[in-house]
Amino acid sequence: MPLKLSLKPGEKFVLNGAVVQNGDRRTTLVLQNKASVLREKDIMQPEDAATPARRIYFPMMMMYLDDGGATRYYDEFAQRLTEFMGVIRNPEILAECVAISKHAMAREYYKALMLCRKLIEYEDERLGNVASSLPAGGEPG
């Protein structure tokens, strides 16, 4: 089944490991065969993997982008996912973690990667709630 990409002017994406940038106009590309494609907004730099959920996302992203070298990133992914699951109590998020692991073992890296985004959203919500519950001005509440 073809994959249709609608790209904004100047938008970058990775196609089978190559960084490609769209020109100055909106463009639609249709990929006719299987390829590893990741949009600029879904690409994480190593220095951005600074939270537990992002430390799961980053090796999964690398496994997706480098299918041939996925085993190099698997141990890091498995360790980070195990750590994350050890501190999470939310049954829905734990179920997402199990689904991510199953997709990773089946080499369905894109599906796993998209589920990793849910972990990041969950984490951001929790971290945002903590920050917003602190009293302003740094005085104890």
C-alpha atoms as a PDB file:
ATOM      1  CA  MET A   1       0.000   0.000   0.000  1.00  0.00           C
ATOM      2  CA  PRO A   2       1.507   3.359  -0.990  1.00  0.00           C
ATOM      3  CA  LEU A   3       2.416   5.955   1.641  1.00  0.00           C
ATOM      4  CA  LYS A   4       1.400   9.521   0.856  1.00  0.00           C
ATOM      5  CA  LEU A   5       3.433  12.310   2.468  1.00  0.00           C
ATOM      6  CA  SER A   6       2.270  15.911   2.364  1.00  0.00           C
ATOM      7  CA  LEU A   7       5.230  18.148   3.098  1.00  0.00           C
ATOM      8  CA  LYS A   8       5.357  21.789   4.110  1.00  0.00           C
ATOM      9  CA  PRO A   9       7.879  24.085   2.444  1.00  0.00           C
ATOM     10  CA  GLY A  10      11.337  23.340   3.835  1.00  0.00           C
ATOM     11  CA  GLU A  11      10.156  20.352   5.882  1.00  0.00           C
ATOM     12  CA  LYS A  12      12.770  17.663   6.465  1.00  0.00           C
ATOM     13  CA  PHE A  13      12.263  13.943   6.750  1.00  0.00           C
ATOM     14  CA  VAL A  14      14.404  10.838   6.885  1.00  0.00           C
ATOM     15  CA  LEU A  15      13.966   8.284   4.107  1.00  0.00           C
ATOM     16  CA  ASN A  16      15.865   5.026   4.578  1.00  0.00           C
ATOM     17  CA  GLY A  17      18.548   6.840   6.553  1.00  0.00           C
ATOM     18  CA  ALA A  18      18.938   9.797   4.201  1.00  0.00           C
ATOM     19  CA  VAL A  19      17.862  13.265   5.358  1.00  0.00           C
ATOM     20  CA  VAL A  20      15.704  14.856   2.661  1.00  0.00           C
ATOM     21  CA  GLN A  21      14.413  18.421   2.668  1.00  0.00           C
ATOM     22  CA  ASN A  22      11.417  19.682   0.742  1.00  0.00           C
ATOM     23  CA  GLY A  23      11.844  22.738  -1.486  1.00  0.00           C
ATOM     24  CA  ASP A  24      10.097  26.076  -1.150  1.00  0.00           C
ATOM     25  CA  ARG A  25       6.581  24.830  -2.021  1.00  0.00           C
ATOM     26  CA  ARG A  26       4.132  22.427  -0.465  1.00  0.00           C
ATOM     27  CA  THR A  27       4.702  18.969  -1.961  1.00  0.00           C
ATOM     28  CA  THR A  28       3.060  15.565  -1.910  1.00  0.00           C
ATOM     29  CA  LEU A  29       5.172  12.455  -2.318  1.00  0.00           C
ATOM     30  CA  VAL A  30       3.848   8.948  -2.811  1.00  0.00           C
ATOM     31  CA  LEU A  31       6.140   6.110  -1.798  1.00  0.00           C
ATOM     32  CA  GLN A  32       5.177   2.993  -3.702  1.00  0.00           C
ATOM     33  CA  ASN A  33       7.116   0.451  -1.660  1.00  0.00           C
ATOM     34  CA  LYS A  34       8.114  -0.154   1.958  1.00  0.00           C
ATOM     35  CA  ALA A  35      10.574   2.386   3.329  1.00  0.00           C
ATOM     36  CA  SER A  36      11.615   3.789   6.694  1.00  0.00           C
ATOM     37  CA  VAL A  37      10.241   7.332   6.766  1.00  0.00           C
ATOM     38  CA  LEU A  38      10.241   9.689   9.710  1.00  0.00           C
ATOM     39  CA  ARG A  39       9.106  13.309   9.662  1.00  0.00           C
ATOM     40  CA  GLU A  40      11.206  16.074  11.154  1.00  0.00           C
ATOM     41  CA  LYS A  41       8.780  16.509  14.073  1.00  0.00           C
ATOM     42  CA  ASP A  42       9.263  12.846  15.053  1.00  0.00           C
ATOM     43  CA  ILE A  43      13.063  12.916  14.928  1.00  0.00           C
ATOM     44  CA  MET A  44      14.754  13.203  18.301  1.00  0.00           C
ATOM     45  CA  GLN A  45      18.359  14.268  18.784  1.00  0.00           C
ATOM     46  CA  PRO A  46      20.435  12.328  21.358  1.00  0.00           C
ATOM     47  CA  GLU A  47      20.654  15.331  23.679  1.00  0.00           C
ATOM     48  CA  ASP A  48      16.840  15.526  23.774  1.00  0.00           C
ATOM     49  CA  ALA A  49      16.564  12.031  25.284  1.00  0.00           C
ATOM     50  CA  ALA A  50      16.675  13.543  28.762  1.00  0.00           C
ATOM     51  CA  THR A  51      13.615  12.007  30.452  1.00  0.00           C
ATOM     52  CA  PRO A  52      12.661   8.361  31.075  1.00  0.00           C
ATOM     53  CA  ALA A  53      10.055   8.207  28.277  1.00  0.00           C
ATOM     54  CA  ARG A  54      12.366   9.967  25.822  1.00  0.00           C
ATOM     55  CA  ARG A  55      15.109   7.476  26.725  1.00  0.00           C
ATOM     56  CA  ILE A  56      12.715   4.770  25.493  1.00  0.00           C
ATOM     57  CA  TYR A  57      11.743   6.693  22.352  1.00  0.00           C
ATOM     58  CA  PHE A  58      15.295   7.423  21.191  1.00  0.00           C
ATOM     59  CA  PRO A  59      16.623   3.836  20.867  1.00  0.00           C
ATOM     60  CA  MET A  60      13.286   2.796  19.336  1.00  0.00           C
ATOM     61  CA  MET A  61      13.646   5.561  16.768  1.00  0.00           C
ATOM     62  CA  MET A  62      17.164   4.361  15.999  1.00  0.00           C
ATOM     63  CA  MET A  63      15.931   0.783  15.599  1.00  0.00           C
ATOM     64  CA  TYR A  64      13.316   2.013  13.136  1.00  0.00           C
ATOM     65  CA  LEU A  65      15.744   4.136  11.139  1.00  0.00           C
ATOM     66  CA  ASP A  66      18.496   1.498  11.125  1.00  0.00           C
ATOM     67  CA  ASP A  67      16.652  -1.815  10.855  1.00  0.00           C
ATOM     68  CA  GLY A  68      19.865  -3.619   9.939  1.00  0.00           C
ATOM     69  CA  GLY A  69      21.598  -2.352  13.070  1.00  0.00           C
ATOM     70  CA  ALA A  70      18.584  -2.581  15.377  1.00  0.00           C
ATOM     71  CA  THR A  71      20.267  -5.068  17.690  1.00  0.00           C
ATOM     72  CA  ARG A  72      22.757  -2.343  18.688  1.00  0.00           C
ATOM     73  CA  TYR A  73      19.905  -0.294  20.177  1.00  0.00           C
ATOM     74  CA  TYR A  74      17.685  -3.052  21.546  1.00  0.00           C
ATOM     75  CA  ASP A  75      19.459  -3.533  24.896  1.00  0.00           C
ATOM     76  CA  GLU A  76      19.242   0.187  25.689  1.00  0.00           C
ATOM     77  CA  PHE A  77      15.555   0.196  24.725  1.00  0.00           C
ATOM     78  CA  ALA A  78      14.786  -2.893  26.849  1.00  0.00           C
ATOM     79  CA  GLN A  79      16.646  -1.518  29.873  1.00  0.00           C
ATOM     80  CA  ARG A  80      14.900   1.861  29.703  1.00  0.00           C
ATOM     81  CA  LEU A  81      11.465   0.311  29.197  1.00  0.00           C
ATOM     82  CA  THR A  82      12.012  -2.021  32.160  1.00  0.00           C
ATOM     83  CA  GLU A  83      13.057   0.905  34.367  1.00  0.00           C
ATOM     84  CA  PHE A  84      10.031   2.920  33.265  1.00  0.00           C
ATOM     85  CA  MET A  85       7.639   0.054  33.925  1.00  0.00           C
ATOM     86  CA  GLY A  86       9.165  -0.416  37.377  1.00  0.00           C
ATOM     87  CA  VAL A  87       7.926   2.976  38.561  1.00  0.00           C
ATOM     88  CA  ILE A  88       4.651   3.381  36.658  1.00  0.00           C
ATOM     89  CA  ARG A  89       1.406   2.296  38.306  1.00  0.00           C
ATOM     90  CA  ASN A  90      -1.089   3.421  35.656  1.00  0.00           C
ATOM     91  CA  PRO A  91      -2.547   0.221  34.111  1.00  0.00           C
ATOM     92  CA  GLU A  92      -3.228   1.883  30.741  1.00  0.00           C
ATOM     93  CA  ILE A  93       0.354   3.119  30.424  1.00  0.00           C
ATOM     94  CA  LEU A  94       1.698  -0.268  31.540  1.00  0.00           C
ATOM     95  CA  ALA A  95      -0.433  -1.874  28.816  1.00  0.00           C
ATOM     96  CA  GLU A  96       1.085   0.569  26.288  1.00  0.00           C
ATOM     97  CA  CYS A  97       4.547  -0.475  27.487  1.00  0.00           C
ATOM     98  CA  VAL A  98       3.692  -4.144  26.937  1.00  0.00           C
ATOM     99  CA  ALA A  99       2.374  -3.322  23.452  1.00  0.00           C
ATOM    100  CA  ILE A 100       5.574  -1.399  22.655  1.00  0.00           C
ATOM    101  CA  SER A 101       7.642  -4.382  23.728  1.00  0.00           C
ATOM    102  CA  LYS A 102       5.565  -6.776  21.615  1.00  0.00           C
ATOM    103  CA  HIS A 103       5.915  -4.563  18.536  1.00  0.00           C
ATOM    104  CA  ALA A 104       9.666  -4.277  19.125  1.00  0.00           C
ATOM    105  CA  MET A 105      10.054  -8.057  19.363  1.00  0.00           C
ATOM    106  CA  ALA A 106       8.046  -8.420  16.138  1.00  0.00           C
ATOM    107  CA  ARG A 107      10.349  -5.828  14.481  1.00  0.00           C
ATOM    108  CA  GLU A 108       7.339  -3.521  13.995  1.00  0.00           C
ATOM    109  CA  TYR A 109       9.408  -0.522  14.997  1.00  0.00           C
ATOM    110  CA  TYR A 110       7.188   2.199  13.563  1.00  0.00           C
ATOM    111  CA  LYS A 111       4.156   0.939  15.489  1.00  0.00           C
ATOM    112  CA  ALA A 112       6.254   0.774  18.657  1.00  0.00           C
ATOM    113  CA  LEU A 113       7.630   4.258  18.029  1.00  0.00           C
ATOM    114  CA  MET A 114       4.173   5.780  17.699  1.00  0.00           C
ATOM    115  CA  LEU A 115       3.140   4.158  20.980  1.00  0.00           C
ATOM    116  CA  CYS A 116       6.283   5.583  22.605  1.00  0.00           C
ATOM    117  CA  ARG A 117       4.854   9.017  21.851  1.00  0.00           C
ATOM    118  CA  LYS A 118       1.994   8.179  24.231  1.00  0.00           C
ATOM    119  CA  LEU A 119       4.536   7.551  26.984  1.00  0.00           C
ATOM    120  CA  ILE A 120       6.079  10.951  26.328  1.00  0.00           C
ATOM    121  CA  GLU A 121       2.645  12.611  26.432  1.00  0.00           C
ATOM    122  CA  TYR A 122       1.864  10.830  29.711  1.00  0.00           C
ATOM    123  CA  GLU A 123       5.191  11.866  31.174  1.00  0.00           C
ATOM    124  CA  ASP A 124       4.768  15.480  30.021  1.00  0.00           C
ATOM    125  CA  GLU A 125       1.327  15.615  31.631  1.00  0.00           C
ATOM    126  CA  ARG A 126       2.742  14.314  34.910  1.00  0.00           C
ATOM    127  CA  LEU A 127       5.745  16.635  34.873  1.00  0.00           C
ATOM    128  CA  GLY A 128       3.509  19.558  33.930  1.00  0.00           C
ATOM    129  CA  ASN A 129       1.158  18.778  36.791  1.00  0.00           C
ATOM    130  CA  VAL A 130       4.048  18.676  39.246  1.00  0.00           C
ATOM    131  CA  ALA A 131       5.422  22.000  38.021  1.00  0.00           C
ATOM    132  CA  SER A 132       2.025  23.691  38.089  1.00  0.00           C
ATOM    133  CA  SER A 133       1.288  22.470  41.623  1.00  0.00           C
ATOM    134  CA  LEU A 134       4.397  24.098  43.095  1.00  0.00           C
ATOM    135  CA  PRO A 135       3.816  27.442  44.808  1.00  0.00           C
ATOM    136  CA  ALA A 136       4.967  30.517  42.908  1.00  0.00           C
ATOM    137  CA  GLY A 137       8.011  32.377  44.170  1.00  0.00           C
ATOM    138  CA  GLY A 138       9.728  29.273  45.521  1.00  0.00           C
ATOM    139  CA  GLU A 139       8.187  29.614  49.009  1.00  0.00           C
ATOM    140  CA  PRO A 140       7.074  26.414  50.746  1.00  0.00           C
ATOM    141  CA  GLY A 141       3.366  25.863  50.566  1.00  0.00           C
END
